[in-house]
Amino acid sequence: MSRTFFLHLQKDFLQVHPVDVWWISIPVDQLLLMGIISIKHACIADVYDHQETGNDMKQRPMETIQELQALDKKLASLIARRSRLLGDLSRNRQDKNKSLADPELEKRLWQVWKKELQPSNPSLVRQAFTLLNSMGYFEAERPHGDKPFCLYPTRRPLDHEFPGPLDLELVRGLVSMAALTPRQCMLEGLNVNDEILELVKAANQCGAKLSWRSSTLLGQGMGDVDLDGQSLFLGQSSFNFYFFFCLGLGHPCRIKFSGSATLKTLNLRFLLNLAPALGARLSSIEPQSYSLPAKLEAGGNLPEEVEIPEDADPEFVRALMLAATTYSSPLRIKYPRAAEVQVTDCLKIFAACRIRAQEQGQRTITVQPGQPVLEDHADIPLDPLLSGFLLALARMGKGRVRLKGNWPRKCARAEKILDLMRRSGLDIELEENGIAARDGEPRHKPVFDLSSFPEITPLIFPLALTREDDAPVRLLLPRESIHLETVLDLLVLLGYQFSQDDEGLSIFSRQAHHDKSPAWTSPGPCWSLGYCLLSFRFPGICLCNPGNLAALWPGFWKIFTNLSPKKAQESDEHFQKSRKRIRIQGD
């Protein structure tokens, strides 16, 4: 039992309203000092000697927790209000063809933060300030007419055939090469999403002559890349920023980079440290910041070899390899284990573009300079994740779906997707020029191990809920996965009972009486696709932000809304216009 004195403070002392009084522990030797303070400020209501018991010691932490909850409730409300106000201002700037962020306003607000907080760690406080601003910019970027979209898929068994979506990463790499080739080219059957459009627009600003129409990209050929003096807005894709940053390294130049709210939260600390080794200097325009907007100053003096640190974004390695084809001499790159997939993708792109690269030892590769020549009929496999969402329709819609295209071979993620889809009850058959899925009966225990590839959770989670036996469904998902919180959110929203442990969670039956689920806001495009799958089991559920699919797969909504038998023919006619070929026209 400890002997302590407590001061009963009136709420106006700290101007905090969630609680009426505050209890603050005061050591005995400071009592006199506090007495003097009380005379000056007349804000201490009373002082008394208190014998602290065991129950008091247990109760005070609980009171502190409740106090924090009350403060967080008020803080969250203030953040939401701030985001709306900043979003309105940013939207007005967009209407006048100005950038989202108002530099003068940000400076004035940052001065308020510095004055009120007097931070001992300015960099950390600056990151918090940037994140809060980004919430307002996200609000401004959200489509103004993006109203909740209630999902009512067809109730009849499905029987459809589609050209499957091509591998997104390989397509993006080919578009990057199309921007650099001096030859005319035409890429057909592409999923031209927002990130690819942002890449095309930035490339055109630097001298490329690219255009697009529906799912076709046309290139008129270009000369040397000219980035000097450019101010590039790169949208929301980190790859796009890395790609143009790396292109700038090959020549003396000065470039300013900016982007959407997503890129304003991108941590560039590793790149700020790496830039000097690449003969360049990258600096954030905002003080104490490690994100965009930023300026690049490059001397064009690249080393023969560069070692990429372990904490680097793997997408930077992809961008560096592609941009290295424009350098005046070969570049040897030592890359971290996390970037092995990106390196493999680049080698496939190089094979299609006649670019030479040599693997040398463990995680070391040398990229030779050269002009890309896009091959006719390049073999681009299907995107396993996006194709998986279409194949899953056969299970959700109790029918059959066939995709035209080549399923990727020797791809661990693609094999995992097939295994878990079969475990859910899909009968899948790999064909010579396609893949087919048919609704069947589950033949395995309802255990879905997502620990190796948590990014496929939005696809597998809806399939896991189709099990109709009494056995609980097990999802093995790491606690640190960003997808776990979304899974828990949806289970509560849809009325499922579940339990959580260190390895994942067990999902039990749905509550017999569950109120209609409110409209749900998806955290990303893949979860919007997963929510569409869930609508087969829960027709009428509503999605608050259907527009976010434009960043990944804008053509999906046409597929989804044309699934009914009456519109099947119309849907097929639409997709027959897009072919999975790459044609090259000679000079």
Foldseek 3Di string as FASTA:
>chain_A
DDKWKWWWFACVVVVDPPDGTDTDTDDPVCPVVVVVVCVVVVGTDDIDIDDDDPVNVVVVVVVVVVVVVSVVVVVVVVLVVVLQVLLVVQLVCVVVVHHSDDVVVLVVVVVVVCVVCVDPQVLVVVLVSLLSSLSSLVSNPFPPPLFKDFFFFDQAAFDAEFAFAFAPVLVLLLLLLLLQFQFKWKAFQHQCFPQSVLLVVQSVVQFWDWDDDDRMIIGHGGDQGHAAPEEGEREQDPLSVLQVLLLPQQAFHKYWYHYGSNQSSDAQVQVQVQQVQQQKHKDAPDPSYRTDRIMIGHHNDGDQEGERDPPDDLSSVLSNLSSQLNHPFKYKYQYDPVNPVSVVSSVLSCVQFVWDKDDDPDRIIIGGHDRGHGHWFRQTFGHLLRSLLQQCCQALNQFKYKHFGHHDPPDPVSVLSVVLLVQLAWDKDGDPGIIMIHGGGHPDPQERECDVPVVSCLSNVLSSVSDDDQAWHHYFYAPPDPCQVVSVVVCVQQAWDKDADRGGITTGDGDPDDDHGAADEDPALSNVSSVNSNCSVVRGHIHGRPPRVSNPGVCVVVVRVQRDPVNSVVSRVVSVVTDNIIDTDGD
